[in-house]
Amino acid sequence: MTSTDLPAHAGGTFELGGDRSVHRMGYGAMRITGEGVWGEPQDRDAAIALLRRAVELGVDLIDTADSYGPFVSEELIRAALHTGGTDPTDAYGGVVIATKAGLIRTGPGEWHTLGRPTYLRFACEMSLRRLGVDTIELFQLHRIDPEVAAEDQFAELQALKDEGKIRHIGLSEVSVEELEHASTMIDVASVQNRYNLLDRGSEAVLDACEAAGIGFLPWFPVATGDLTRPGGPLDAICAETGASPAQVALAWLLHRSAVMLPIPGTSQRAHLEENLAGAGVSLSAAHLATLDQVG
């Protein structure tokens, strides 16, 4: 299989931060942890094999966070993919490992915002250590902490970038106003908001990212609900294209915007391969018009 045949490559590329080319179909590494995104996976070897399979299929953008596990996802990524050295490009064979900080965990399914500058610095330093690199290529603020001045959070991220510990800065779950505010202090390379066929609540944020050339990573990108019901819009499109509902949902995202970088996550090899193949699904103008109207 040549590089042009790799499933994840069918969706084309995007220049992250204007200087780091990645293929637009990525992988989200939250689900390789234990139940409730807590602790080790039931089968550690299978999780490592899954990460390696994603890269074999052309994925060169893997999204994680220090809170996944916590710490477990980052540790598994290093065990699976680190090839030696501390330069991030060499250490991961050209794969961008994007991580996040700003949420802490107190148990399975429990998430709490913490954006104090000292904590963000600590989290960055520990992610550097766990991933075995001297620079994190994309470091994302998992949430803006409402209890801490946003300017202080942005300033600390910029300080880490100035020190060479971060290459690019991303944000997560932000409004247009928050993105515009952040952009007065930092160069925002990416935004990660929930967005899918059924949830278009971040439409305005996506439009703002598109206008500014900012990468948009939709989390929970595969959501089809009852659209797959017999006679429903996805049911007909799947019949005509031979694609699965998940593949159609991902193909629609890629068609929706050139800055879209879907990061579907799974712990199952079959689902991984199905999702990545979605990058190669062709949707007609009629299909896209139908899907645009169903959200």
Protein backbone atom coordinates (compact mmCIF):
# COMPACT_ATOMS: atom_id res chain seq x y z
CA MET A 1 0.00 0.00 0.00
CA THR A 2 1.52 3.35 -1.05
CA SER A 3 1.10 6.57 0.89
CA THR A 4 -1.54 7.74 -1.59
CA ASP A 5 -3.56 4.61 -0.86
CA LEU A 6 -3.67 5.12 2.91
CA PRO A 7 -7.29 5.61 4.05
CA ALA A 8 -6.61 8.62 6.27
CA HIS A 9 -4.89 10.44 3.40
CA ALA A 10 -8.01 10.55 1.23
CA GLY A 11 -9.33 13.59 3.10
CA GLY A 12 -6.40 15.79 2.10
CA THR A 13 -4.16 17.92 4.29
CA PHE A 14 -4.24 21.06 6.40
CA GLU A 15 -1.44 23.40 7.45
CA LEU A 16 -1.77 23.47 11.23
CA GLY A 17 -0.62 26.84 12.50
CA GLY A 18 0.36 27.66 8.95
CA ASP A 19 3.51 25.54 9.05
CA ARG A 20 2.72 21.96 10.06
CA SER A 21 1.03 19.81 7.45
CA VAL A 22 -1.26 17.07 8.76
CA HIS A 23 -3.81 14.85 7.07
CA ARG A 24 -7.27 16.00 7.95
CA MET A 25 -8.60 12.67 9.24
CA GLY A 26 -7.06 12.16 12.66
CA TYR A 27 -7.63 9.95 15.67
CA GLY A 28 -8.88 10.82 19.16
CA ALA A 29 -7.17 8.80 21.89
CA MET A 30 -9.66 9.20 24.73
CA ARG A 31 -11.33 5.82 24.40
CA ILE A 32 -8.15 3.76 24.74
CA THR A 33 -8.31 4.27 28.51
CA GLY A 34 -10.48 2.47 31.07
CA GLU A 35 -14.20 2.83 31.69
CA GLY A 36 -15.23 6.39 32.48
CA VAL A 37 -11.97 7.55 30.83
CA TRP A 38 -10.32 6.38 34.04
CA GLY A 39 -7.39 4.06 34.53
CA GLU A 40 -5.79 1.50 32.29
CA PRO A 41 -7.64 -0.16 29.39
CA GLN A 42 -8.78 -3.74 29.83
CA ASP A 43 -6.25 -4.82 27.21
CA ARG A 44 -3.13 -2.66 27.16
CA ASP A 45 -1.53 -4.57 24.29
CA ALA A 46 -4.65 -4.10 22.16
CA ALA A 47 -4.64 -0.35 22.85
CA ILE A 48 -1.01 -0.09 21.77
CA ALA A 49 -1.73 -2.15 18.65
CA LEU A 50 -4.68 0.13 17.84
CA LEU A 51 -2.51 3.25 17.98
CA ARG A 52 0.04 1.63 15.70
CA ARG A 53 -2.69 0.55 13.30
CA ALA A 54 -3.99 4.13 13.09
CA VAL A 55 -0.56 5.32 12.00
CA GLU A 56 -0.24 2.42 9.55
CA LEU A 57 -3.46 3.65 7.93
CA GLY A 58 -2.10 7.15 7.48
CA VAL A 59 -3.10 9.02 10.65
CA ASP A 60 -0.56 11.72 11.47
CA LEU A 61 -2.66 13.74 13.96
CA ILE A 62 -3.48 12.08 17.29
CA ASP A 63 -5.43 14.05 19.87
CA THR A 64 -5.13 13.27 23.57
CA ALA A 65 -5.15 15.04 26.97
CA ASP A 66 -3.43 14.67 30.31
CA SER A 67 -6.88 14.06 31.83
CA TYR A 68 -7.53 10.94 29.76
CA GLY A 69 -6.84 8.24 32.29
CA PRO A 70 -5.63 10.56 33.74
CA PHE A 71 -2.19 10.34 32.12
CA VAL A 72 -2.87 6.86 30.71
CA SER A 73 -3.56 7.93 27.12
CA GLU A 74 -0.33 9.90 26.86
CA GLU A 75 1.63 7.01 28.35
CA LEU A 76 0.12 4.54 25.89
CA ILE A 77 0.90 6.83 22.96
CA ARG A 78 4.53 6.97 24.00
CA ALA A 79 4.71 3.19 24.50
CA ALA A 80 3.16 2.59 21.08
CA LEU A 81 4.75 5.23 18.89
CA HIS A 82 7.83 6.89 20.39
CA THR A 83 10.83 6.05 18.24
CA GLY A 84 13.60 7.74 20.21
CA GLY A 85 15.00 11.23 20.69
CA THR A 86 13.18 14.26 22.04
CA ASP A 87 12.46 16.25 18.87
CA PRO A 88 8.68 15.81 18.47
CA THR A 89 8.79 15.24 14.70
CA ASP A 90 11.51 12.61 14.90
CA ALA A 91 10.27 11.05 18.14
CA TYR A 92 6.90 10.19 16.60
CA GLY A 93 7.89 9.61 12.99
CA GLY A 94 6.14 12.70 11.70
CA VAL A 95 2.94 12.15 13.68
CA VAL A 96 1.64 15.22 15.51
CA ILE A 97 0.68 14.39 19.09
CA ALA A 98 -1.74 17.07 20.27
CA THR A 99 -2.51 17.12 23.97
CA LYS A 100 -4.59 19.27 26.32
CA ALA A 101 -4.57 20.61 29.87
CA GLY A 102 -7.11 22.46 31.98
CA LEU A 103 -9.34 19.67 33.27
CA ILE A 104 -8.57 17.58 36.34
CA ARG A 105 -10.10 14.27 37.38
CA THR A 106 -11.34 13.05 40.75
CA GLY A 107 -12.83 9.78 39.57
CA PRO A 108 -14.43 7.94 36.64
CA GLY A 109 -16.57 10.29 34.59
CA GLU A 110 -15.69 13.30 36.79
CA TRP A 111 -14.19 16.42 35.19
CA HIS A 112 -13.30 19.74 36.85
CA THR A 113 -11.86 22.88 35.26
CA LEU A 114 -8.51 24.14 36.54
CA GLY A 115 -6.77 26.88 34.58
CA ARG A 116 -4.45 28.47 37.12
CA PRO A 117 -1.25 29.45 35.32
CA THR A 118 0.94 27.47 37.72
CA TYR A 119 -1.17 24.38 37.06
CA LEU A 120 -1.11 24.81 33.28
CA ARG A 121 2.69 25.06 33.43
CA PHE A 122 2.89 21.96 35.63
CA ALA A 123 0.58 20.06 33.27
CA CYS A 124 2.67 21.04 30.25
CA GLU A 125 5.91 19.99 31.94
CA MET A 126 4.43 16.61 32.87
CA SER A 127 3.01 16.02 29.39
CA LEU A 128 6.45 16.75 27.96
CA ARG A 129 7.90 14.15 30.29
CA ARG A 130 5.22 11.52 29.62
CA LEU A 131 5.41 11.97 25.84
CA GLY A 132 9.21 12.05 25.87
CA VAL A 133 9.62 15.23 23.83
CA ASP A 134 11.08 18.68 24.38
CA THR A 135 8.24 20.46 22.55
CA ILE A 136 4.51 19.71 22.31
CA GLU A 137 3.43 20.43 18.74
CA LEU A 138 -0.15 21.37 19.68
CA PHE A 139 -1.01 22.17 23.29
CA GLN A 140 -4.69 22.93 23.84
CA LEU A 141 -6.45 24.64 26.73
CA HIS A 142 -9.08 22.00 27.51
CA ARG A 143 -11.43 24.62 28.98
CA ILE A 144 -11.13 28.30 29.86
CA ASP A 145 -11.44 28.34 33.65
CA PRO A 146 -14.14 30.89 34.58
CA GLU A 147 -12.57 31.27 38.04
CA VAL A 148 -9.27 32.52 36.60
CA ALA A 149 -8.74 35.57 34.41
CA ALA A 150 -8.69 34.35 30.82
CA GLU A 151 -5.82 36.73 30.09
CA ASP A 152 -3.69 34.95 32.71
CA GLN A 153 -4.38 31.57 31.13
CA PHE A 154 -3.53 32.81 27.64
CA ALA A 155 -0.41 34.58 28.90
CA GLU A 156 0.91 31.39 30.47
CA LEU A 157 0.38 29.43 27.27
CA GLN A 158 2.23 32.15 25.37
CA ALA A 159 5.08 32.03 27.89
CA LEU A 160 5.38 28.27 27.40
CA LYS A 161 5.44 28.81 23.65
CA ASP A 162 8.11 31.50 23.96
CA GLU A 163 10.21 29.03 25.96
CA GLY A 164 9.94 26.46 23.16
CA LYS A 165 7.86 24.02 25.16
CA ILE A 166 4.83 24.51 22.89
CA ARG A 167 4.88 24.91 19.12
CA HIS A 168 1.23 25.81 18.60
CA ILE A 169 -1.63 26.73 20.95
CA GLY A 170 -5.19 25.47 20.68
CA LEU A 171 -8.44 26.13 22.52
CA SER A 172 -11.40 23.88 23.33
CA GLU A 173 -15.10 24.56 23.82
CA VAL A 174 -14.96 28.29 23.16
CA SER A 175 -17.41 30.82 21.78
CA VAL A 176 -16.70 33.25 18.96
CA GLU A 177 -16.21 36.00 21.53
CA GLU A 178 -13.73 33.92 23.53
CA LEU A 179 -11.84 33.02 20.36
CA GLU A 180 -11.64 36.66 19.35
CA HIS A 181 -10.47 37.63 22.84
CA ALA A 182 -7.79 34.94 22.87
CA SER A 183 -6.63 35.95 19.41
CA THR A 184 -5.69 39.41 20.69
CA MET A 185 -3.04 37.75 22.90
CA ILE A 186 -2.03 34.48 21.22
CA ASP A 187 -1.93 32.92 17.78
CA VAL A 188 -4.68 30.30 17.96
CA ALA A 189 -3.81 27.34 15.73
CA SER A 190 -6.86 25.19 16.48
CA VAL A 191 -10.24 25.05 18.16
CA GLN A 192 -11.80 21.85 19.43
CA ASN A 193 -15.57 22.13 19.94
CA ARG A 194 -18.34 19.57 19.83
CA TYR A 195 -19.77 19.45 16.32
CA ASN A 196 -21.44 16.78 14.20
CA LEU A 197 -24.39 16.12 11.90
CA LEU A 198 -26.86 16.49 14.76
CA ASP A 199 -25.15 19.18 16.85
CA ARG A 200 -24.40 22.36 14.91
CA GLY A 201 -24.17 24.57 18.01
CA SER A 202 -20.64 25.64 17.10
CA GLU A 203 -21.50 26.65 13.54
CA ALA A 204 -20.52 30.27 14.13
CA VAL A 205 -17.22 29.21 15.72
CA LEU A 206 -16.47 26.99 12.74
CA ASP A 207 -17.18 29.89 10.39
CA ALA A 208 -14.82 32.10 12.41
CA CYS A 209 -12.11 29.45 12.27
CA GLU A 210 -12.57 29.09 8.53
CA ALA A 211 -12.24 32.83 8.01
CA ALA A 212 -9.04 32.93 10.07
CA GLY A 213 -7.48 29.70 8.77
CA ILE A 214 -7.71 28.06 12.20
CA GLY A 215 -7.99 24.27 12.36
CA PHE A 216 -11.31 23.02 13.75
CA LEU A 217 -11.26 19.65 15.55
CA PRO A 218 -14.86 18.48 16.04
CA TRP A 219 -15.10 16.25 19.07
CA PHE A 220 -17.84 13.60 19.12
CA PRO A 221 -17.79 13.80 15.31
CA VAL A 222 -19.85 10.65 14.71
CA ALA A 223 -23.44 11.19 15.82
CA THR A 224 -26.29 10.01 13.66
CA GLY A 225 -29.17 9.29 16.04
CA ASP A 226 -32.37 8.32 14.28
CA LEU A 227 -31.13 9.66 10.95
CA THR A 228 -30.36 6.02 10.11
CA ARG A 229 -33.94 4.89 10.58
CA PRO A 230 -35.44 3.00 7.63
CA GLY A 231 -36.34 5.57 5.03
CA GLY A 232 -34.36 8.28 6.81
CA PRO A 233 -31.87 10.57 5.05
CA LEU A 234 -28.77 8.63 6.09
CA ASP A 235 -30.39 5.33 5.24
CA ALA A 236 -30.85 6.41 1.64
CA ILE A 237 -27.38 7.93 1.31
CA CYS A 238 -25.75 4.82 2.77
CA ALA A 239 -27.63 2.67 0.27
CA GLU A 240 -26.50 4.84 -2.62
CA THR A 241 -22.84 5.16 -1.58
CA GLY A 242 -22.27 1.79 0.07
CA ALA A 243 -20.86 3.63 3.10
CA SER A 244 -21.79 3.14 6.75
CA PRO A 245 -23.59 5.89 8.73
CA ALA A 246 -20.36 6.73 10.56
CA GLN A 247 -18.49 7.04 7.29
CA VAL A 248 -21.14 9.33 5.82
CA ALA A 249 -21.08 11.49 8.96
CA LEU A 250 -17.29 11.84 8.76
CA ALA A 251 -17.29 12.44 5.00
CA TRP A 252 -19.84 15.21 5.50
CA LEU A 253 -17.57 16.88 8.06
CA LEU A 254 -14.65 16.82 5.65
CA HIS A 255 -16.84 18.33 2.93
CA ARG A 256 -18.22 20.95 5.30
CA SER A 257 -15.00 22.94 5.63
CA ALA A 258 -11.38 22.83 4.52
CA VAL A 259 -10.29 23.59 8.12
CA MET A 260 -12.19 20.59 9.53
CA LEU A 261 -9.97 17.98 11.23
CA PRO A 262 -12.19 15.13 12.51
CA ILE A 263 -10.68 13.04 15.30
CA PRO A 264 -13.02 10.04 15.69
CA GLY A 265 -12.07 7.88 18.65
CA THR A 266 -12.57 4.20 19.30
CA SER A 267 -11.02 1.30 21.16
CA GLN A 268 -11.91 -1.22 18.46
CA ARG A 269 -9.79 -1.97 15.40
CA ALA A 270 -12.79 -2.60 13.15
CA HIS A 271 -14.32 0.76 14.07
CA LEU A 272 -10.98 2.49 13.55
CA GLU A 273 -10.66 1.09 10.05
CA GLU A 274 -14.29 1.91 9.25
CA ASN A 275 -13.91 5.50 10.47
CA LEU A 276 -10.71 6.19 8.57
CA ALA A 277 -12.22 4.81 5.38
CA GLY A 278 -14.83 7.56 5.69
CA ALA A 279 -12.23 9.99 4.36
CA GLY A 280 -12.59 8.34 0.97
CA VAL A 281 -16.38 8.44 0.73
CA SER A 282 -17.63 10.63 -2.10
CA LEU A 283 -20.83 12.56 -1.49
CA SER A 284 -22.77 14.15 -4.32
CA ALA A 285 -24.09 17.70 -4.23
CA ALA A 286 -27.55 16.24 -3.55
CA HIS A 287 -26.22 14.17 -0.65
CA LEU A 288 -24.51 17.21 0.86
CA ALA A 289 -27.62 19.35 0.46
CA THR A 290 -29.67 16.72 2.28
CA LEU A 291 -27.15 16.38 5.10
CA ASP A 292 -26.80 20.14 5.48
CA GLN A 293 -30.53 20.34 6.20
CA VAL A 294 -30.85 17.54 8.77
CA GLY A 295 -28.90 19.06 11.67
